[in-house]
C-alpha atoms as a PDB file:
ATOM      1  CA  MET A   1       7.961  16.285  -1.918  1.00  0.00           C
ATOM      2  CA  THR A   2       9.353  12.870  -0.969  1.00  0.00           C
ATOM      3  CA  ARG A   3       8.804  10.284  -3.684  1.00  0.00           C
ATOM      4  CA  LEU A   4       5.954   8.120  -2.449  1.00  0.00           C
ATOM      5  CA  HIS A   5       7.765   4.938  -3.507  1.00  0.00           C
ATOM      6  CA  ASP A   6      10.622   5.776  -1.142  1.00  0.00           C
ATOM      7  CA  ASP A   7       8.625   7.221   1.752  1.00  0.00           C
ATOM      8  CA  VAL A   8       9.528   5.032   4.722  1.00  0.00           C
ATOM      9  CA  ARG A   9       7.505   7.197   7.133  1.00  0.00           C
ATOM     10  CA  LEU A  10       4.319   6.836   5.057  1.00  0.00           C
ATOM     11  CA  ALA A  11       4.829   3.080   4.724  1.00  0.00           C
ATOM     12  CA  GLY A  12       5.159   2.764   8.498  1.00  0.00           C
ATOM     13  CA  ALA A  13       1.964   4.739   9.130  1.00  0.00           C
ATOM     14  CA  TYR A  14      -0.093   3.254   6.311  1.00  0.00           C
ATOM     15  CA  GLN A  15      -1.227  -0.047   7.818  1.00  0.00           C
ATOM     16  CA  SER A  16      -2.646   1.358  11.057  1.00  0.00           C
ATOM     17  CA  GLY A  17      -3.808   4.565   9.398  1.00  0.00           C
ATOM     18  CA  ASN A  18      -5.784   2.877   6.626  1.00  0.00           C
ATOM     19  CA  GLY A  19      -7.083  -0.224   8.333  1.00  0.00           C
ATOM     20  CA  MET A  20     -10.694  -0.917   9.155  1.00  0.00           C
ATOM     21  CA  PRO A  21     -12.663  -3.125  11.547  1.00  0.00           C
ATOM     22  CA  GLU A  22     -12.473  -6.800  10.648  1.00  0.00           C
ATOM     23  CA  SER A  23     -16.168  -6.860   9.815  1.00  0.00           C
ATOM     24  CA  SER A  24     -15.668  -4.062   7.278  1.00  0.00           C
ATOM     25  CA  LEU A  25     -12.615  -5.674   5.731  1.00  0.00           C
ATOM     26  CA  ARG A  26     -14.432  -8.971   5.492  1.00  0.00           C
ATOM     27  CA  ALA A  27     -17.402  -7.284   3.807  1.00  0.00           C
ATOM     28  CA  TRP A  28     -15.085  -5.715   1.249  1.00  0.00           C
ATOM     29  CA  ALA A  29     -13.336  -9.040   0.616  1.00  0.00           C
ATOM     30  CA  LYS A  30     -16.674 -10.767   0.142  1.00  0.00           C
ATOM     31  CA  LEU A  31     -17.826  -8.134  -2.344  1.00  0.00           C
ATOM     32  CA  ILE A  32     -14.585  -8.120  -4.338  1.00  0.00           C
ATOM     33  CA  GLY A  33     -14.445 -11.902  -4.340  1.00  0.00           C
ATOM     34  CA  SER A  34     -18.030 -12.122  -5.580  1.00  0.00           C
ATOM     35  CA  PHE A  35     -16.891 -10.759  -8.949  1.00  0.00           C
ATOM     36  CA  ALA A  36     -14.351 -13.541  -9.488  1.00  0.00           C
ATOM     37  CA  PRO A  37     -15.213 -15.841 -12.401  1.00  0.00           C
ATOM     38  CA  CYS A  38     -14.444 -18.988 -10.390  1.00  0.00           C
ATOM     39  CA  PRO A  39     -14.131 -20.273  -6.800  1.00  0.00           C
ATOM     40  CA  ALA A  40     -10.726 -19.849  -5.122  1.00  0.00           C
ATOM     41  CA  PRO A  41      -9.497 -17.445  -7.813  1.00  0.00           C
ATOM     42  CA  ALA A  42      -5.892 -16.568  -8.540  1.00  0.00           C
ATOM     43  CA  VAL A  43      -5.644 -12.866  -7.678  1.00  0.00           C
ATOM     44  CA  VAL A  44      -3.175 -10.117  -8.508  1.00  0.00           C
ATOM     45  CA  GLU A  45      -3.397  -6.770  -6.741  1.00  0.00           C
ATOM     46  CA  ILE A  46      -1.806  -3.757  -8.408  1.00  0.00           C
ATOM     47  CA  GLY A  47      -0.541  -1.208  -5.898  1.00  0.00           C
ATOM     48  CA  ALA A  48      -0.953  -3.639  -3.021  1.00  0.00           C
ATOM     49  CA  GLY A  49       0.601  -1.325  -0.445  1.00  0.00           C
ATOM     50  CA  THR A  50       0.818  -3.099   2.898  1.00  0.00           C
ATOM     51  CA  GLY A  51      -1.162  -6.097   1.641  1.00  0.00           C
ATOM     52  CA  MET A  52      -4.392  -5.605   3.569  1.00  0.00           C
ATOM     53  CA  PHE A  53      -6.631  -6.782   0.720  1.00  0.00           C
ATOM     54  CA  CYS A  54      -4.241  -9.517  -0.392  1.00  0.00           C
ATOM     55  CA  ALA A  55      -4.499 -11.127   3.028  1.00  0.00           C
ATOM     56  CA  ALA A  56      -8.248 -10.534   3.269  1.00  0.00           C
ATOM     57  CA  LEU A  57      -8.946 -12.239  -0.058  1.00  0.00           C
ATOM     58  CA  ALA A  58      -6.767 -15.181   0.923  1.00  0.00           C
ATOM     59  CA  ARG A  59      -8.484 -15.507   4.319  1.00  0.00           C
ATOM     60  CA  TRP A  60     -12.119 -15.070   3.397  1.00  0.00           C
ATOM     61  CA  GLN A  61     -12.382 -15.832  -0.319  1.00  0.00           C
ATOM     62  CA  ARG A  62      -9.909 -18.740  -0.501  1.00  0.00           C
ATOM     63  CA  ALA A  63      -8.031 -16.868  -3.209  1.00  0.00           C
ATOM     64  CA  SER A  64      -4.849 -18.724  -4.178  1.00  0.00           C
ATOM     65  CA  PRO A  65      -2.340 -17.708  -5.139  1.00  0.00           C
ATOM     66  CA  VAL A  66      -2.521 -14.024  -4.330  1.00  0.00           C
ATOM     67  CA  VAL A  67       0.231 -11.783  -5.678  1.00  0.00           C
ATOM     68  CA  GLY A  68       0.552  -8.202  -4.470  1.00  0.00           C
ATOM     69  CA  ILE A  69       2.617  -5.919  -6.688  1.00  0.00           C
ATOM     70  CA  ASP A  70       3.841  -2.486  -5.669  1.00  0.00           C
ATOM     71  CA  PRO A  71       6.756  -0.254  -6.716  1.00  0.00           C
ATOM     72  CA  SER A  72       7.427   0.676  -3.079  1.00  0.00           C
ATOM     73  CA  VAL A  73       9.965  -1.473  -1.259  1.00  0.00           C
ATOM     74  CA  PRO A  74       9.059   0.089   2.140  1.00  0.00           C
ATOM     75  CA  MET A  75       5.363  -0.689   1.582  1.00  0.00           C
ATOM     76  CA  LEU A  76       6.079  -4.301   0.715  1.00  0.00           C
ATOM     77  CA  GLU A  77       8.300  -4.654   3.762  1.00  0.00           C
ATOM     78  CA  GLN A  78       5.271  -3.668   5.839  1.00  0.00           C
ATOM     79  CA  ALA A  79       3.101  -6.093   3.846  1.00  0.00           C
ATOM     80  CA  ARG A  80       5.412  -8.994   4.658  1.00  0.00           C
ATOM     81  CA  ARG A  81       5.428  -7.910   8.296  1.00  0.00           C
ATOM     82  CA  HIS A  82       1.678  -7.450   8.786  1.00  0.00           C
ATOM     83  CA  ASN A  83      -0.012  -9.520   6.081  1.00  0.00           C
ATOM     84  CA  ALA A  84       2.121 -12.588   5.416  1.00  0.00           C
ATOM     85  CA  LEU A  85      -0.010 -15.668   4.766  1.00  0.00           C
ATOM     86  CA  PRO A  86       0.578 -18.966   2.950  1.00  0.00           C
ATOM     87  CA  GLY A  87      -0.143 -18.499  -0.729  1.00  0.00           C
ATOM     88  CA  VAL A  88       0.275 -14.712  -0.577  1.00  0.00           C
ATOM     89  CA  HIS A  89       3.330 -13.297  -2.343  1.00  0.00           C
ATOM     90  CA  TYR A  90       4.602  -9.734  -2.665  1.00  0.00           C
ATOM     91  CA  LEU A  91       6.644  -8.516  -5.617  1.00  0.00           C
ATOM     92  CA  VAL A  92       8.253  -5.204  -6.478  1.00  0.00           C
ATOM     93  CA  GLY A  93       7.039  -4.036  -9.849  1.00  0.00           C
ATOM     94  CA  SER A  94       5.145  -1.438 -11.845  1.00  0.00           C
ATOM     95  CA  ALA A  95       1.651  -1.565 -13.277  1.00  0.00           C
ATOM     96  CA  GLU A  96       3.068  -1.024 -16.748  1.00  0.00           C
ATOM     97  CA  ALA A  97       5.394  -4.058 -16.596  1.00  0.00           C
ATOM     98  CA  LEU A  98       3.922  -6.677 -14.265  1.00  0.00           C
ATOM     99  CA  PRO A  99       6.516  -9.258 -13.140  1.00  0.00           C
ATOM    100  CA  VAL A 100       4.163 -12.236 -13.583  1.00  0.00           C
ATOM    101  CA  ARG A 101       3.335 -14.803 -16.252  1.00  0.00           C
ATOM    102  CA  THR A 102       0.791 -14.359 -19.031  1.00  0.00           C
ATOM    103  CA  ARG A 103      -2.734 -15.688 -18.397  1.00  0.00           C
ATOM    104  CA  SER A 104      -2.069 -16.647 -14.798  1.00  0.00           C
ATOM    105  CA  PHE A 105      -4.838 -14.805 -12.902  1.00  0.00           C
ATOM    106  CA  ASP A 106      -8.618 -14.771 -12.675  1.00  0.00           C
ATOM    107  CA  LEU A 107      -9.091 -11.463 -10.883  1.00  0.00           C
ATOM    108  CA  ALA A 108      -7.118  -8.227 -10.614  1.00  0.00           C
ATOM    109  CA  LEU A 109      -7.708  -5.611  -7.926  1.00  0.00           C
ATOM    110  CA  LEU A 110      -6.761  -1.950  -8.123  1.00  0.00           C
ATOM    111  CA  SER A 111      -7.712  -0.390  -4.792  1.00  0.00           C
ATOM    112  CA  ARG A 112      -7.144   3.340  -4.295  1.00  0.00           C
ATOM    113  CA  VAL A 113      -4.391   3.280  -6.891  1.00  0.00           C
ATOM    114  CA  VAL A 114      -5.795   4.163 -10.311  1.00  0.00           C
ATOM    115  CA  HIS A 115      -5.067   7.872  -9.773  1.00  0.00           C
ATOM    116  CA  HIS A 116      -1.411   7.057  -9.073  1.00  0.00           C
ATOM    117  CA  LEU A 117      -0.833   5.242 -12.371  1.00  0.00           C
ATOM    118  CA  PRO A 118       1.275   7.314 -14.784  1.00  0.00           C
ATOM    119  CA  ASP A 119       0.139   5.289 -17.815  1.00  0.00           C
ATOM    120  CA  ARG A 120      -3.285   3.706 -17.395  1.00  0.00           C
ATOM    121  CA  PRO A 121      -3.524   2.374 -20.984  1.00  0.00           C
ATOM    122  CA  SER A 122      -0.267   0.454 -20.479  1.00  0.00           C
ATOM    123  CA  CYS A 123      -1.589  -0.922 -17.195  1.00  0.00           C
ATOM    124  CA  ALA A 124      -4.781  -2.035 -18.967  1.00  0.00           C
ATOM    125  CA  ARG A 125      -2.766  -3.845 -21.629  1.00  0.00           C
ATOM    126  CA  GLU A 126      -0.684  -5.574 -18.965  1.00  0.00           C
ATOM    127  CA  LEU A 127      -3.801  -6.691 -17.127  1.00  0.00           C
ATOM    128  CA  ALA A 128      -5.210  -8.045 -20.378  1.00  0.00           C
ATOM    129  CA  ARG A 129      -1.977 -10.022 -20.721  1.00  0.00           C
ATOM    130  CA  VAL A 130      -1.893 -11.554 -17.249  1.00  0.00           C
ATOM    131  CA  LEU A 131      -5.616 -12.320 -16.906  1.00  0.00           C
ATOM    132  CA  ARG A 132      -7.193 -15.451 -18.279  1.00  0.00           C
ATOM    133  CA  PRO A 133     -10.088 -15.091 -20.771  1.00  0.00           C
ATOM    134  CA  GLY A 134     -13.124 -14.011 -18.809  1.00  0.00           C
ATOM    135  CA  GLY A 135     -10.908 -12.521 -16.121  1.00  0.00           C
ATOM    136  CA  VAL A 136     -12.137  -9.584 -14.083  1.00  0.00           C
ATOM    137  CA  VAL A 137     -10.640  -6.269 -12.988  1.00  0.00           C
ATOM    138  CA  VAL A 138     -12.104  -4.588  -9.897  1.00  0.00           C
ATOM    139  CA  ILE A 139     -11.249  -0.894  -9.602  1.00  0.00           C
ATOM    140  CA  ARG A 140     -11.918   0.521  -6.135  1.00  0.00           C
ATOM    141  CA  THR A 141     -11.487   4.286  -6.164  1.00  0.00           C
ATOM    142  CA  THR A 142     -13.243   7.626  -5.862  1.00  0.00           C
ATOM    143  CA  PHE A 143     -13.978   9.113  -9.242  1.00  0.00           C
ATOM    144  CA  ARG A 144     -13.490  12.817  -9.772  1.00  0.00           C
ATOM    145  CA  GLU A 145     -17.247  13.322  -9.976  1.00  0.00           C
ATOM    146  CA  ARG A 146     -17.800  12.009  -6.427  1.00  0.00           C
ATOM    147  CA  LEU A 147     -15.048  13.238  -4.131  1.00  0.00           C
ATOM    148  CA  ASP A 148     -16.856  12.932  -0.803  1.00  0.00           C
ATOM    149  CA  ALA A 149     -14.315  11.702   1.749  1.00  0.00           C
ATOM    150  CA  LEU A 150     -14.426  13.127   5.267  1.00  0.00           C
ATOM    151  CA  VAL A 151     -10.891  14.488   4.933  1.00  0.00           C
ATOM    152  CA  TYR A 152     -12.177  17.170   2.551  1.00  0.00           C
ATOM    153  CA  ASP A 153     -14.268  18.637   5.367  1.00  0.00           C
ATOM    154  CA  TYR A 154     -11.127  19.359   7.377  1.00  0.00           C
ATOM    155  CA  TRP A 155      -8.589  19.849   4.606  1.00  0.00           C
ATOM    156  CA  PRO A 156     -10.626  21.526   1.829  1.00  0.00           C
ATOM    157  CA  GLN A 157      -7.434  22.281  -0.113  1.00  0.00           C
ATOM    158  CA  LEU A 158      -7.237  18.580  -0.919  1.00  0.00           C
ATOM    159  CA  ARG A 159     -10.482  18.605  -2.879  1.00  0.00           C
ATOM    160  CA  ALA A 160      -9.109  20.962  -5.522  1.00  0.00           C
ATOM    161  CA  ILE A 161      -5.875  18.961  -5.641  1.00  0.00           C
ATOM    162  CA  ASP A 162      -7.709  15.667  -6.025  1.00  0.00           C
ATOM    163  CA  GLU A 163      -9.966  17.085  -8.724  1.00  0.00           C
ATOM    164  CA  GLN A 164      -6.778  17.308 -10.755  1.00  0.00           C
ATOM    165  CA  ARG A 165      -5.260  14.004  -9.613  1.00  0.00           C
ATOM    166  CA  PHE A 166      -8.252  11.651  -9.762  1.00  0.00           C
ATOM    167  CA  PRO A 167      -9.687  10.509 -13.092  1.00  0.00           C
ATOM    168  CA  GLY A 168     -13.357  10.419 -13.944  1.00  0.00           C
ATOM    169  CA  LYS A 169     -15.190   7.203 -14.662  1.00  0.00           C
ATOM    170  CA  GLU A 170     -15.329   7.813 -18.412  1.00  0.00           C
ATOM    171  CA  GLU A 171     -11.599   8.513 -18.527  1.00  0.00           C
ATOM    172  CA  VAL A 172     -10.845   5.158 -16.929  1.00  0.00           C
ATOM    173  CA  LEU A 173     -13.192   3.387 -19.321  1.00  0.00           C
ATOM    174  CA  ALA A 174     -11.500   5.088 -22.263  1.00  0.00           C
ATOM    175  CA  ASP A 175      -8.163   3.740 -21.055  1.00  0.00           C
ATOM    176  CA  PHE A 176      -9.339   0.162 -20.473  1.00  0.00           C
ATOM    177  CA  THR A 177     -11.789  -0.447 -23.332  1.00  0.00           C
ATOM    178  CA  PRO A 178      -9.143  -0.583 -26.101  1.00  0.00           C
ATOM    179  CA  ALA A 179      -7.358  -3.366 -24.174  1.00  0.00           C
ATOM    180  CA  GLY A 180     -10.430  -5.586 -24.484  1.00  0.00           C
ATOM    181  CA  PHE A 181     -12.348  -4.838 -21.290  1.00  0.00           C
ATOM    182  CA  THR A 182     -16.100  -4.307 -21.043  1.00  0.00           C
ATOM    183  CA  VAL A 183     -18.159  -3.030 -18.126  1.00  0.00           C
ATOM    184  CA  ARG A 184     -19.739  -5.708 -15.990  1.00  0.00           C
ATOM    185  CA  GLU A 185     -20.892  -3.529 -13.122  1.00  0.00           C
ATOM    186  CA  ALA A 186     -20.513  -0.022 -11.742  1.00  0.00           C
ATOM    187  CA  GLY A 187     -21.591   1.113  -8.315  1.00  0.00           C
ATOM    188  CA  SER A 188     -20.324   2.053  -4.880  1.00  0.00           C
ATOM    189  CA  PHE A 189     -19.945   0.542  -1.430  1.00  0.00           C
ATOM    190  CA  ALA A 190     -19.387   2.018   2.023  1.00  0.00           C
ATOM    191  CA  GLN A 191     -18.168   0.550   5.290  1.00  0.00           C
ATOM    192  CA  PRO A 192     -17.108   1.990   8.673  1.00  0.00           C
ATOM    193  CA  VAL A 193     -13.358   2.537   8.973  1.00  0.00           C
ATOM    194  CA  THR A 194     -13.226   3.737  12.574  1.00  0.00           C
ATOM    195  CA  THR A 195     -15.586   3.320  15.506  1.00  0.00           C
ATOM    196  CA  GLY A 196     -15.779   7.056  16.077  1.00  0.00           C
ATOM    197  CA  LEU A 197     -14.453  10.510  15.278  1.00  0.00           C
ATOM    198  CA  ARG A 198     -11.937  10.401  18.128  1.00  0.00           C
ATOM    199  CA  ALA A 199     -10.388   7.278  16.644  1.00  0.00           C
ATOM    200  CA  PHE A 200     -10.354   8.910  13.209  1.00  0.00           C
ATOM    201  CA  HIS A 201      -8.580  11.970  14.626  1.00  0.00           C
ATOM    202  CA  GLN A 202      -5.988   9.792  16.316  1.00  0.00           C
ATOM    203  CA  ARG A 203      -5.398   7.995  13.029  1.00  0.00           C
ATOM    204  CA  MET A 204      -4.993  11.198  10.988  1.00  0.00           C
ATOM    205  CA  ARG A 205      -2.373  12.559  13.392  1.00  0.00           C
ATOM    206  CA  ASN A 206       0.139  10.171  11.829  1.00  0.00           C
ATOM    207  CA  ARG A 207      -0.558  11.440   8.291  1.00  0.00           C
ATOM    208  CA  PRO A 208      -1.326   8.005   6.843  1.00  0.00           C
ATOM    209  CA  LEU A 209      -2.608   9.334   3.492  1.00  0.00           C
ATOM    210  CA  SER A 210      -0.256  10.092   0.620  1.00  0.00           C
ATOM    211  CA  LYS A 211      -2.334  13.161  -0.278  1.00  0.00           C
ATOM    212  CA  PHE A 212      -1.213  14.923   2.907  1.00  0.00           C
ATOM    213  CA  ALA A 213       2.160  15.423   1.229  1.00  0.00           C
ATOM    214  CA  TYR A 214       0.492  18.100  -0.916  1.00  0.00           C
ATOM    215  CA  LEU A 215      -0.276  20.248   2.135  1.00  0.00           C
ATOM    216  CA  THR A 216       1.970  22.687   3.937  1.00  0.00           C
ATOM    217  CA  GLU A 217       2.682  22.045   7.592  1.00  0.00           C
ATOM    218  CA  ALA A 218       0.386  24.923   8.562  1.00  0.00           C
ATOM    219  CA  GLU A 219      -2.454  23.620   6.392  1.00  0.00           C
ATOM    220  CA  PHE A 220      -2.197  20.137   7.842  1.00  0.00           C
ATOM    221  CA  GLU A 221      -2.082  21.357  11.450  1.00  0.00           C
ATOM    222  CA  ALA A 222      -5.057  23.694  10.949  1.00  0.00           C
ATOM    223  CA  GLY A 223      -7.200  20.862   9.622  1.00  0.00           C
ATOM    224  CA  LEU A 224      -6.070  18.542  12.387  1.00  0.00           C
ATOM    225  CA  ARG A 225      -7.053  21.110  15.020  1.00  0.00           C
ATOM    226  CA  CYS A 226     -10.551  21.445  13.536  1.00  0.00           C
ATOM    227  CA  LEU A 227     -10.924  17.684  13.454  1.00  0.00           C
ATOM    228  CA  GLY A 228      -9.721  17.467  17.053  1.00  0.00           C
ATOM    229  CA  THR A 229     -12.268  20.041  18.174  1.00  0.00           C
ATOM    230  CA  ASP A 230     -15.110  18.098  16.575  1.00  0.00           C
ATOM    231  CA  ALA A 231     -13.789  14.847  17.995  1.00  0.00           C
ATOM    232  CA  GLU A 232     -13.856  16.290  21.510  1.00  0.00           C
ATOM    233  CA  SER A 233     -17.593  16.961  21.141  1.00  0.00           C
ATOM    234  CA  GLU A 234     -18.299  13.326  20.308  1.00  0.00           C
ATOM    235  CA  PRO A 235     -20.224  11.608  23.143  1.00  0.00           C
ATOM    236  CA  LEU A 236     -18.018   9.048  24.858  1.00  0.00           C
ATOM    237  CA  THR A 237     -20.919   6.635  25.219  1.00  0.00           C
ATOM    238  CA  ALA A 238     -22.191   7.041  21.650  1.00  0.00           C
ATOM    239  CA  PRO A 239     -19.305   7.644  19.234  1.00  0.00           C
ATOM    240  CA  TRP A 240     -19.956   8.606  15.637  1.00  0.00           C
ATOM    241  CA  PRO A 241     -18.656   5.845  13.331  1.00  0.00           C
ATOM    242  CA  VAL A 242     -16.745   7.126  10.323  1.00  0.00           C
ATOM    243  CA  HIS A 243     -17.752   5.527   7.047  1.00  0.00           C
ATOM    244  CA  GLU A 244     -15.814   5.645   3.790  1.00  0.00           C
ATOM    245  CA  ARG A 245     -17.520   5.179   0.438  1.00  0.00           C
ATOM    246  CA  TYR A 246     -15.715   4.045  -2.696  1.00  0.00           C
ATOM    247  CA  ASP A 247     -16.758   3.749  -6.304  1.00  0.00           C
ATOM    248  CA  LEU A 248     -16.461   0.323  -7.865  1.00  0.00           C
ATOM    249  CA  LEU A 249     -15.904  -0.321 -11.553  1.00  0.00           C
ATOM    250  CA  VAL A 250     -15.890  -3.993 -12.515  1.00  0.00           C
ATOM    251  CA  LEU A 251     -14.517  -4.887 -15.947  1.00  0.00           C
ATOM    252  CA  THR A 252     -14.453  -8.210 -17.758  1.00  0.00           C
ATOM    253  CA  LEU A 253     -11.846  -9.317 -20.284  1.00  0.00           C
ATOM    254  CA  ALA A 254     -13.400 -10.654 -23.458  1.00  0.00           C
END
């Protein structure tokens, strides 16, 4: 399997394959920003990918500065291409050794990345270092207990794989609590990501999800065919919007 950090193909497909309507992105930015302890917060995003949320928080929540950190050079090249805004900066780095100053941020975002972290306790300690007192961490993920994404309907092999890859809520809390974090809020939020199933099928054809690397070619193509068949039955005049739900765990630094 290609190392995800070096996967130029995935980086090129990620922005278009994981985007969402502007109204959905704005709703997410508003929700994430609502947890900030102050107006116009300084934000750091761990595993920023192509910078979609970095730009959204800068646009709609007046976050400044916003620093997106990711170990993938190809991903950050796409971030600078698609989501370059004044006050938004992208840095190569790991969650266990953040290349930023101590006590320089009000809010940290980890979106769809907590399951990729090889050492969550070290990440928690680093976040405790770079956040100001009262700072907030927003973890946007799908916990092992609630794997309900549409992709599992068409690629059921991925559910068993993700049951091993994704942590449960209590596991994440056990990793972050010793670093000084307490739970402020836990819940979930859903928004449409495509206007219909046909659009979702078109998006999946480019394999924009890192988890597809765990499938064989035959497994991927079989799931894509099933998705295509269902997409063809979608009424042209009344498409079926595809929603994605994510768990949210909001932690506060004492």
